[in-house]
Amino acid sequence: MSVIFSMEAYEQLSLHITHIQKHIVYLQQRIEAIQARLTSTVTTELPHDLHLPQSIPGVSLKGAVIILIELGSEDISPFKTAKRLASGIG
């Protein structure tokens, strides 16, 4: 099945697609900026807490930051090992 567009409809569609693509780029940039800010905040305010989640195999700095953010204000000191922390967060 083929669909035939008028030149005007094609141009409008093209403009919408361009606008959406620009918005996607903007959102990606905002996400990256927020992630950088969260990482900076966590590494500055909770540097001692980053060690435990990062000792879980496969958990990077970004993953450790996400784990700490998900835990929120919970104290992770009861988790003495990476294995206990991993089982505690699911």
C-alpha atoms as a PDB file:
ATOM      1  CA  MET A   1       0.000   0.000   0.000  1.00  0.00           C
ATOM      2  CA  SER A   2       1.448   3.318  -0.970  1.00  0.00           C
ATOM      3  CA  VAL A   3       0.523   6.683   0.459  1.00  0.00           C
ATOM      4  CA  ILE A   4       0.854   9.832  -1.576  1.00  0.00           C
ATOM      5  CA  PHE A   5       1.530  13.110   0.232  1.00  0.00           C
ATOM      6  CA  SER A   6       1.243  16.557  -1.218  1.00  0.00           C
ATOM      7  CA  MET A   7       4.428  18.609  -1.208  1.00  0.00           C
ATOM      8  CA  GLU A   8       2.921  20.873   1.483  1.00  0.00           C
ATOM      9  CA  ALA A   9       2.063  17.901   3.711  1.00  0.00           C
ATOM     10  CA  TYR A  10       5.539  16.462   3.166  1.00  0.00           C
ATOM     11  CA  GLU A  11       7.173  19.772   4.143  1.00  0.00           C
ATOM     12  CA  GLN A  12       5.042  20.052   7.279  1.00  0.00           C
ATOM     13  CA  LEU A  13       5.845  16.489   8.221  1.00  0.00           C
ATOM     14  CA  SER A  14       9.521  17.158   7.638  1.00  0.00           C
ATOM     15  CA  LEU A  15       9.375  20.231   9.895  1.00  0.00           C
ATOM     16  CA  HIS A  16       7.677  18.222  12.646  1.00  0.00           C
ATOM     17  CA  ILE A  17      10.292  15.490  12.402  1.00  0.00           C
ATOM     18  CA  THR A  18      13.105  18.062  12.582  1.00  0.00           C
ATOM     19  CA  HIS A  19      11.481  19.681  15.620  1.00  0.00           C
ATOM     20  CA  ILE A  20      11.096  16.301  17.346  1.00  0.00           C
ATOM     21  CA  GLN A  21      14.729  15.391  16.604  1.00  0.00           C
ATOM     22  CA  LYS A  22      15.932  18.688  18.078  1.00  0.00           C
ATOM     23  CA  HIS A  23      13.785  18.124  21.154  1.00  0.00           C
ATOM     24  CA  ILE A  24      15.224  14.622  21.598  1.00  0.00           C
ATOM     25  CA  VAL A  25      18.758  16.055  21.475  1.00  0.00           C
ATOM     26  CA  TYR A  26      17.773  18.704  24.036  1.00  0.00           C
ATOM     27  CA  LEU A  27      16.288  16.062  26.357  1.00  0.00           C
ATOM     28  CA  GLN A  28      19.387  13.881  26.031  1.00  0.00           C
ATOM     29  CA  GLN A  29      21.562  16.852  26.972  1.00  0.00           C
ATOM     30  CA  ARG A  30      19.375  17.606  29.999  1.00  0.00           C
ATOM     31  CA  ILE A  31      19.522  13.968  31.120  1.00  0.00           C
ATOM     32  CA  GLU A  32      23.316  13.987  30.834  1.00  0.00           C
ATOM     33  CA  ALA A  33      23.524  17.243  32.810  1.00  0.00           C
ATOM     34  CA  ILE A  34      21.260  15.889  35.558  1.00  0.00           C
ATOM     35  CA  GLN A  35      23.238  12.634  35.729  1.00  0.00           C
ATOM     36  CA  ALA A  36      26.494  14.592  36.001  1.00  0.00           C
ATOM     37  CA  ARG A  37      25.046  16.768  38.754  1.00  0.00           C
ATOM     38  CA  LEU A  38      23.746  13.754  40.689  1.00  0.00           C
ATOM     39  CA  THR A  39      27.088  11.977  40.357  1.00  0.00           C
ATOM     40  CA  SER A  40      28.929  15.074  41.519  1.00  0.00           C
ATOM     41  CA  THR A  41      26.612  15.551  44.483  1.00  0.00           C
ATOM     42  CA  VAL A  42      26.793  11.921  45.589  1.00  0.00           C
ATOM     43  CA  THR A  43      30.574  11.666  45.173  1.00  0.00           C
ATOM     44  CA  THR A  44      31.026  14.885  47.136  1.00  0.00           C
ATOM     45  CA  GLU A  45      28.536  14.245  49.930  1.00  0.00           C
ATOM     46  CA  LEU A  46      28.694  10.446  50.230  1.00  0.00           C
ATOM     47  CA  PRO A  47      32.173   9.396  49.083  1.00  0.00           C
ATOM     48  CA  HIS A  48      32.485   6.727  51.783  1.00  0.00           C
ATOM     49  CA  ASP A  49      29.147   5.169  50.762  1.00  0.00           C
ATOM     50  CA  LEU A  50      30.219   4.703  47.131  1.00  0.00           C
ATOM     51  CA  HIS A  51      32.782   2.033  47.974  1.00  0.00           C
ATOM     52  CA  LEU A  52      30.315  -0.671  49.012  1.00  0.00           C
ATOM     53  CA  PRO A  53      28.030  -0.637  45.948  1.00  0.00           C
ATOM     54  CA  GLN A  54      31.061  -0.372  43.658  1.00  0.00           C
ATOM     55  CA  SER A  55      32.480  -3.540  45.217  1.00  0.00           C
ATOM     56  CA  ILE A  56      29.540  -5.468  43.713  1.00  0.00           C
ATOM     57  CA  PRO A  57      30.846  -7.093  40.518  1.00  0.00           C
ATOM     58  CA  GLY A  58      29.704  -5.145  37.475  1.00  0.00           C
ATOM     59  CA  VAL A  59      28.615  -2.006  39.350  1.00  0.00           C
ATOM     60  CA  SER A  60      30.286   1.117  37.984  1.00  0.00           C
ATOM     61  CA  LEU A  61      30.412   4.570  39.525  1.00  0.00           C
ATOM     62  CA  LYS A  62      27.188   5.428  37.702  1.00  0.00           C
ATOM     63  CA  GLY A  63      25.554   2.254  39.001  1.00  0.00           C
ATOM     64  CA  ALA A  64      26.728   2.967  42.543  1.00  0.00           C
ATOM     65  CA  VAL A  65      25.287   6.480  42.343  1.00  0.00           C
ATOM     66  CA  ILE A  66      21.955   5.105  41.131  1.00  0.00           C
ATOM     67  CA  ILE A  67      21.909   2.555  43.956  1.00  0.00           C
ATOM     68  CA  LEU A  68      22.570   5.256  46.556  1.00  0.00           C
ATOM     69  CA  ILE A  69      19.923   7.523  45.043  1.00  0.00           C
ATOM     70  CA  GLU A  70      17.396   4.682  45.053  1.00  0.00           C
ATOM     71  CA  LEU A  71      18.191   3.926  48.677  1.00  0.00           C
ATOM     72  CA  GLY A  72      17.594   7.576  49.467  1.00  0.00           C
ATOM     73  CA  SER A  73      18.319   8.528  53.040  1.00  0.00           C
ATOM     74  CA  GLU A  74      18.629   4.938  54.206  1.00  0.00           C
ATOM     75  CA  ASP A  75      21.774   4.145  56.123  1.00  0.00           C
ATOM     76  CA  ILE A  76      23.755   1.480  54.260  1.00  0.00           C
ATOM     77  CA  SER A  77      26.150   0.808  57.125  1.00  0.00           C
ATOM     78  CA  PRO A  78      24.187  -2.309  58.242  1.00  0.00           C
ATOM     79  CA  PHE A  79      25.211  -3.902  54.936  1.00  0.00           C
ATOM     80  CA  LYS A  80      28.717  -5.043  55.817  1.00  0.00           C
ATOM     81  CA  THR A  81      29.453  -6.672  52.460  1.00  0.00           C
ATOM     82  CA  ALA A  82      28.618  -6.116  48.814  1.00  0.00           C
ATOM     83  CA  LYS A  83      26.727  -9.418  48.814  1.00  0.00           C
ATOM     84  CA  ARG A  84      24.463  -8.269  51.658  1.00  0.00           C
ATOM     85  CA  LEU A  85      23.888  -4.925  49.970  1.00  0.00           C
ATOM     86  CA  ALA A  86      23.048  -6.617  46.669  1.00  0.00           C
ATOM     87  CA  SER A  87      20.568  -8.947  48.353  1.00  0.00           C
ATOM     88  CA  GLY A  88      19.108  -6.063  50.341  1.00  0.00           C
ATOM     89  CA  ILE A  89      18.343  -3.991  47.246  1.00  0.00           C
ATOM     90  CA  GLY A  90      17.037  -6.909  45.233  1.00  0.00           C
END
